[in-house]
């Protein structure tokens, strides 16, 4: 019996708005996908792109970020800081070969429990369409490629020849 794959989604939620809205959704018994793990932060402005990349590296198939609506941040401009970082992150994801749809930013106020439900369900469906990201499984393959490259360079150096300049390595994507 094979178990159907279910996406793993990490959510970074602002304490004052989105986390409170998620709590409202739970208290209101709104049904949303159970495969989201929420990390509560005091402000969405505290989300560092490294957190998102680390979540993906550790096996998350998608990351959801939720914060206060622009102009309503409890820390004045934290969500604007996040927006700038998010735009940078989107460019980095493309450079890394990761579909930008795997990371989503939403402005959700404390009164929008229904929106939390909708966003989580939409994102879960979208990640199911994209399939597993599987970065941890790729690490072994990438490690093997780097080890083989290092061995080739050592062999060339011990053979008495100068090591050629390294050509850009092509990375195979599964």
C-alpha atoms as a PDB file:
ATOM      1  CA  UNK A   1       0.000   0.000   0.000  1.00  0.00           C
ATOM      2  CA  UNK A   2       1.576   3.287  -1.099  1.00  0.00           C
ATOM      3  CA  UNK A   3       0.933   6.425   0.811  1.00  0.00           C
ATOM      4  CA  UNK A   4      -0.106   9.449  -1.271  1.00  0.00           C
ATOM      5  CA  UNK A   5       2.457  12.238  -1.200  1.00  0.00           C
ATOM      6  CA  UNK A   6       1.460  15.291   0.798  1.00  0.00           C
ATOM      7  CA  UNK A   7       3.388  18.567   0.561  1.00  0.00           C
ATOM      8  CA  UNK A   8       5.285  19.901   3.550  1.00  0.00           C
ATOM      9  CA  UNK A   9       4.712  23.628   3.968  1.00  0.00           C
ATOM     10  CA  UNK A  10       6.375  25.888   6.520  1.00  0.00           C
ATOM     11  CA  UNK A  11       4.543  29.109   7.394  1.00  0.00           C
ATOM     12  CA  UNK A  12       6.126  32.170   8.991  1.00  0.00           C
ATOM     13  CA  UNK A  13       3.283  34.195  10.536  1.00  0.00           C
ATOM     14  CA  UNK A  14       3.349  37.617  12.171  1.00  0.00           C
ATOM     15  CA  UNK A  15       2.195  37.393  15.801  1.00  0.00           C
ATOM     16  CA  UNK A  16      -0.178  40.354  15.651  1.00  0.00           C
ATOM     17  CA  UNK A  17      -2.098  39.674  12.454  1.00  0.00           C
ATOM     18  CA  UNK A  18      -1.655  36.444  10.523  1.00  0.00           C
ATOM     19  CA  UNK A  19      -0.989  34.198  13.519  1.00  0.00           C
ATOM     20  CA  UNK A  20      -4.045  35.676  15.244  1.00  0.00           C
ATOM     21  CA  UNK A  21      -6.074  35.080  12.049  1.00  0.00           C
ATOM     22  CA  UNK A  22      -4.897  31.446  11.998  1.00  0.00           C
ATOM     23  CA  UNK A  23      -6.031  31.146  15.613  1.00  0.00           C
ATOM     24  CA  UNK A  24      -9.404  32.641  14.609  1.00  0.00           C
ATOM     25  CA  UNK A  25      -9.682  30.090  11.790  1.00  0.00           C
ATOM     26  CA  UNK A  26      -9.062  27.290  14.286  1.00  0.00           C
ATOM     27  CA  UNK A  27     -11.529  28.627  16.854  1.00  0.00           C
ATOM     28  CA  UNK A  28     -14.102  29.069  14.063  1.00  0.00           C
ATOM     29  CA  UNK A  29     -13.495  25.440  13.032  1.00  0.00           C
ATOM     30  CA  UNK A  30     -12.623  26.386   9.463  1.00  0.00           C
ATOM     31  CA  UNK A  31     -11.221  23.416   7.548  1.00  0.00           C
ATOM     32  CA  UNK A  32      -7.797  23.838   5.976  1.00  0.00           C
ATOM     33  CA  UNK A  33      -4.951  21.503   5.047  1.00  0.00           C
ATOM     34  CA  UNK A  34      -3.140  20.067   8.045  1.00  0.00           C
ATOM     35  CA  UNK A  35       0.267  19.845   6.386  1.00  0.00           C
ATOM     36  CA  UNK A  36       1.300  23.417   7.259  1.00  0.00           C
ATOM     37  CA  UNK A  37       3.653  23.984  10.191  1.00  0.00           C
ATOM     38  CA  UNK A  38       3.404  27.508  11.559  1.00  0.00           C
ATOM     39  CA  UNK A  39       6.329  29.418  13.021  1.00  0.00           C
ATOM     40  CA  UNK A  40       5.214  32.507  14.907  1.00  0.00           C
ATOM     41  CA  UNK A  41       7.384  35.618  14.650  1.00  0.00           C
ATOM     42  CA  UNK A  42       6.736  38.940  16.336  1.00  0.00           C
ATOM     43  CA  UNK A  43       6.837  40.685  12.943  1.00  0.00           C
ATOM     44  CA  UNK A  44       7.025  39.560   9.325  1.00  0.00           C
ATOM     45  CA  UNK A  45       9.933  42.003   9.050  1.00  0.00           C
ATOM     46  CA  UNK A  46      11.955  39.459  11.066  1.00  0.00           C
ATOM     47  CA  UNK A  47      11.767  36.915   8.211  1.00  0.00           C
ATOM     48  CA  UNK A  48      15.217  36.562   6.704  1.00  0.00           C
ATOM     49  CA  UNK A  49      15.576  34.958   3.245  1.00  0.00           C
ATOM     50  CA  UNK A  50      17.960  32.485   4.889  1.00  0.00           C
ATOM     51  CA  UNK A  51      15.022  31.138   6.947  1.00  0.00           C
ATOM     52  CA  UNK A  52      13.115  30.335   3.750  1.00  0.00           C
ATOM     53  CA  UNK A  53      16.120  28.776   2.017  1.00  0.00           C
ATOM     54  CA  UNK A  54      16.871  26.739   5.147  1.00  0.00           C
ATOM     55  CA  UNK A  55      13.276  25.468   5.326  1.00  0.00           C
ATOM     56  CA  UNK A  56      13.471  24.368   1.676  1.00  0.00           C
ATOM     57  CA  UNK A  57      16.904  22.797   2.235  1.00  0.00           C
ATOM     58  CA  UNK A  58      15.557  20.808   5.188  1.00  0.00           C
ATOM     59  CA  UNK A  59      12.695  19.300   3.197  1.00  0.00           C
ATOM     60  CA  UNK A  60       9.866  21.818   2.956  1.00  0.00           C
ATOM     61  CA  UNK A  61       8.131  21.781  -0.425  1.00  0.00           C
ATOM     62  CA  UNK A  62       6.837  25.334   0.036  1.00  0.00           C
ATOM     63  CA  UNK A  63       6.974  28.324   2.364  1.00  0.00           C
ATOM     64  CA  UNK A  64       4.135  30.694   3.217  1.00  0.00           C
ATOM     65  CA  UNK A  65       4.803  34.091   4.775  1.00  0.00           C
ATOM     66  CA  UNK A  66       1.983  36.056   6.371  1.00  0.00           C
ATOM     67  CA  UNK A  67       2.120  39.566   7.724  1.00  0.00           C
ATOM     68  CA  UNK A  68       0.072  42.644   8.546  1.00  0.00           C
ATOM     69  CA  UNK A  69      -1.373  44.660   5.685  1.00  0.00           C
ATOM     70  CA  UNK A  70       0.945  47.464   4.488  1.00  0.00           C
ATOM     71  CA  UNK A  71       0.394  50.497   6.675  1.00  0.00           C
ATOM     72  CA  UNK A  72      -0.936  48.391   9.574  1.00  0.00           C
ATOM     73  CA  UNK A  73       2.317  46.891  10.867  1.00  0.00           C
ATOM     74  CA  UNK A  74       2.582  46.944  14.646  1.00  0.00           C
ATOM     75  CA  UNK A  75       6.275  47.732  14.196  1.00  0.00           C
ATOM     76  CA  UNK A  76       5.547  50.565  11.721  1.00  0.00           C
ATOM     77  CA  UNK A  77       7.422  49.326   8.644  1.00  0.00           C
ATOM     78  CA  UNK A  78       8.378  45.704   9.272  1.00  0.00           C
ATOM     79  CA  UNK A  79       6.211  44.441   6.435  1.00  0.00           C
ATOM     80  CA  UNK A  80       7.877  46.877   4.012  1.00  0.00           C
ATOM     81  CA  UNK A  81      11.258  45.434   5.018  1.00  0.00           C
ATOM     82  CA  UNK A  82       9.880  41.970   4.324  1.00  0.00           C
ATOM     83  CA  UNK A  83       8.556  43.046   0.930  1.00  0.00           C
ATOM     84  CA  UNK A  84      12.021  44.227  -0.152  1.00  0.00           C
ATOM     85  CA  UNK A  85      13.585  40.981   1.059  1.00  0.00           C
ATOM     86  CA  UNK A  86      10.854  38.934  -0.610  1.00  0.00           C
ATOM     87  CA  UNK A  87      11.507  40.557  -3.988  1.00  0.00           C
ATOM     88  CA  UNK A  88      15.213  39.749  -3.625  1.00  0.00           C
ATOM     89  CA  UNK A  89      14.367  36.187  -2.593  1.00  0.00           C
ATOM     90  CA  UNK A  90      12.185  35.702  -5.675  1.00  0.00           C
ATOM     91  CA  UNK A  91      15.175  36.547  -7.894  1.00  0.00           C
ATOM     92  CA  UNK A  92      17.449  34.219  -5.901  1.00  0.00           C
ATOM     93  CA  UNK A  93      14.985  31.322  -6.189  1.00  0.00           C
ATOM     94  CA  UNK A  94      14.991  31.675  -9.963  1.00  0.00           C
ATOM     95  CA  UNK A  95      18.792  31.655  -9.995  1.00  0.00           C
ATOM     96  CA  UNK A  96      18.761  28.497  -7.868  1.00  0.00           C
ATOM     97  CA  UNK A  97      16.309  26.760 -10.201  1.00  0.00           C
ATOM     98  CA  UNK A  98      13.485  26.735  -7.657  1.00  0.00           C
ATOM     99  CA  UNK A  99      10.025  27.645  -8.906  1.00  0.00           C
ATOM    100  CA  UNK A 100       9.102  30.977  -7.286  1.00  0.00           C
ATOM    101  CA  UNK A 101       5.527  29.717  -6.747  1.00  0.00           C
ATOM    102  CA  UNK A 102       6.872  27.579  -3.900  1.00  0.00           C
ATOM    103  CA  UNK A 103       7.229  30.703  -1.741  1.00  0.00           C
ATOM    104  CA  UNK A 104       4.182  32.897  -1.180  1.00  0.00           C
ATOM    105  CA  UNK A 105       3.662  36.181   0.641  1.00  0.00           C
ATOM    106  CA  UNK A 106       0.216  37.207   1.903  1.00  0.00           C
ATOM    107  CA  UNK A 107      -1.026  40.178   3.902  1.00  0.00           C
ATOM    108  CA  UNK A 108      -3.628  38.834   6.354  1.00  0.00           C
ATOM    109  CA  UNK A 109      -5.143  40.849   9.206  1.00  0.00           C
ATOM    110  CA  UNK A 110      -6.216  39.384  12.539  1.00  0.00           C
ATOM    111  CA  UNK A 111      -9.877  39.411  11.457  1.00  0.00           C
ATOM    112  CA  UNK A 112      -9.291  37.384   8.271  1.00  0.00           C
ATOM    113  CA  UNK A 113      -9.492  33.792   9.486  1.00  0.00           C
ATOM    114  CA  UNK A 114     -11.340  32.812   6.306  1.00  0.00           C
ATOM    115  CA  UNK A 115      -8.442  34.180   4.229  1.00  0.00           C
ATOM    116  CA  UNK A 116      -5.957  32.024   6.160  1.00  0.00           C
ATOM    117  CA  UNK A 117      -8.036  28.963   5.298  1.00  0.00           C
ATOM    118  CA  UNK A 118      -8.274  29.942   1.627  1.00  0.00           C
ATOM    119  CA  UNK A 119      -4.586  30.793   1.237  1.00  0.00           C
ATOM    120  CA  UNK A 120      -3.404  27.576   2.925  1.00  0.00           C
ATOM    121  CA  UNK A 121      -5.728  25.423   0.823  1.00  0.00           C
ATOM    122  CA  UNK A 122      -4.736  27.213  -2.412  1.00  0.00           C
ATOM    123  CA  UNK A 123      -1.046  26.909  -1.652  1.00  0.00           C
ATOM    124  CA  UNK A 124      -1.359  23.232  -0.750  1.00  0.00           C
ATOM    125  CA  UNK A 125      -3.114  22.539  -4.068  1.00  0.00           C
ATOM    126  CA  UNK A 126      -0.473  24.531  -5.975  1.00  0.00           C
ATOM    127  CA  UNK A 127       2.422  22.701  -4.305  1.00  0.00           C
ATOM    128  CA  UNK A 128       0.703  19.358  -5.031  1.00  0.00           C
ATOM    129  CA  UNK A 129       0.641  20.355  -8.719  1.00  0.00           C
ATOM    130  CA  UNK A 130       4.346  21.287  -8.622  1.00  0.00           C
ATOM    131  CA  UNK A 131       5.261  18.036  -6.871  1.00  0.00           C
ATOM    132  CA  UNK A 132       7.943  17.432  -4.260  1.00  0.00           C
ATOM    133  CA  UNK A 133      10.892  19.827  -4.240  1.00  0.00           C
ATOM    134  CA  UNK A 134      13.193  17.143  -2.862  1.00  0.00           C
ATOM    135  CA  UNK A 135      16.255  19.285  -2.136  1.00  0.00           C
ATOM    136  CA  UNK A 136      17.627  16.974   0.588  1.00  0.00           C
ATOM    137  CA  UNK A 137      17.712  14.082  -1.920  1.00  0.00           C
ATOM    138  CA  UNK A 138      19.680  16.229  -4.390  1.00  0.00           C
ATOM    139  CA  UNK A 139      22.411  16.964  -1.829  1.00  0.00           C
ATOM    140  CA  UNK A 140      23.957  13.503  -2.212  1.00  0.00           C
ATOM    141  CA  UNK A 141      24.087  13.864  -6.010  1.00  0.00           C
ATOM    142  CA  UNK A 142      25.612  17.342  -5.776  1.00  0.00           C
ATOM    143  CA  UNK A 143      28.156  16.127  -3.214  1.00  0.00           C
ATOM    144  CA  UNK A 144      29.179  13.293  -5.547  1.00  0.00           C
ATOM    145  CA  UNK A 145      29.652  15.780  -8.420  1.00  0.00           C
ATOM    146  CA  UNK A 146      31.864  18.057  -6.301  1.00  0.00           C
ATOM    147  CA  UNK A 147      33.918  15.107  -4.994  1.00  0.00           C
ATOM    148  CA  UNK A 148      34.434  13.807  -8.547  1.00  0.00           C
ATOM    149  CA  UNK A 149      35.520  17.281  -9.705  1.00  0.00           C
ATOM    150  CA  UNK A 150      38.008  17.571  -6.829  1.00  0.00           C
ATOM    151  CA  UNK A 151      39.422  14.117  -7.592  1.00  0.00           C
ATOM    152  CA  UNK A 152      39.858  15.002 -11.276  1.00  0.00           C
ATOM    153  CA  UNK A 153      41.723  18.179 -10.358  1.00  0.00           C
ATOM    154  CA  UNK A 154      44.010  16.285  -7.958  1.00  0.00           C
ATOM    155  CA  UNK A 155      44.783  13.652 -10.619  1.00  0.00           C
ATOM    156  CA  UNK A 156      45.668  16.375 -13.113  1.00  0.00           C
ATOM    157  CA  UNK A 157      47.898  18.137 -10.593  1.00  0.00           C
ATOM    158  CA  UNK A 158      49.762  14.931  -9.652  1.00  0.00           C
ATOM    159  CA  UNK A 159      50.198  14.066 -13.338  1.00  0.00           C
ATOM    160  CA  UNK A 160      52.470  17.107 -13.517  1.00  0.00           C
ATOM    161  CA  UNK A 161      50.170  19.334 -15.508  1.00  0.00           C
ATOM    162  CA  UNK A 162      48.654  22.552 -14.372  1.00  0.00           C
ATOM    163  CA  UNK A 163      45.026  22.255 -13.408  1.00  0.00           C
ATOM    164  CA  UNK A 164      42.829  23.730 -16.125  1.00  0.00           C
ATOM    165  CA  UNK A 165      40.584  26.602 -15.232  1.00  0.00           C
ATOM    166  CA  UNK A 166      37.351  25.200 -13.979  1.00  0.00           C
ATOM    167  CA  UNK A 167      34.535  25.441 -16.484  1.00  0.00           C
ATOM    168  CA  UNK A 168      31.101  26.215 -15.133  1.00  0.00           C
ATOM    169  CA  UNK A 169      29.561  22.930 -14.031  1.00  0.00           C
ATOM    170  CA  UNK A 170      26.119  22.074 -15.258  1.00  0.00           C
ATOM    171  CA  UNK A 171      23.777  21.000 -12.526  1.00  0.00           C
ATOM    172  CA  UNK A 172      21.223  18.381 -13.464  1.00  0.00           C
ATOM    173  CA  UNK A 173      17.750  19.102 -12.151  1.00  0.00           C
ATOM    174  CA  UNK A 174      15.425  16.233 -11.482  1.00  0.00           C
END
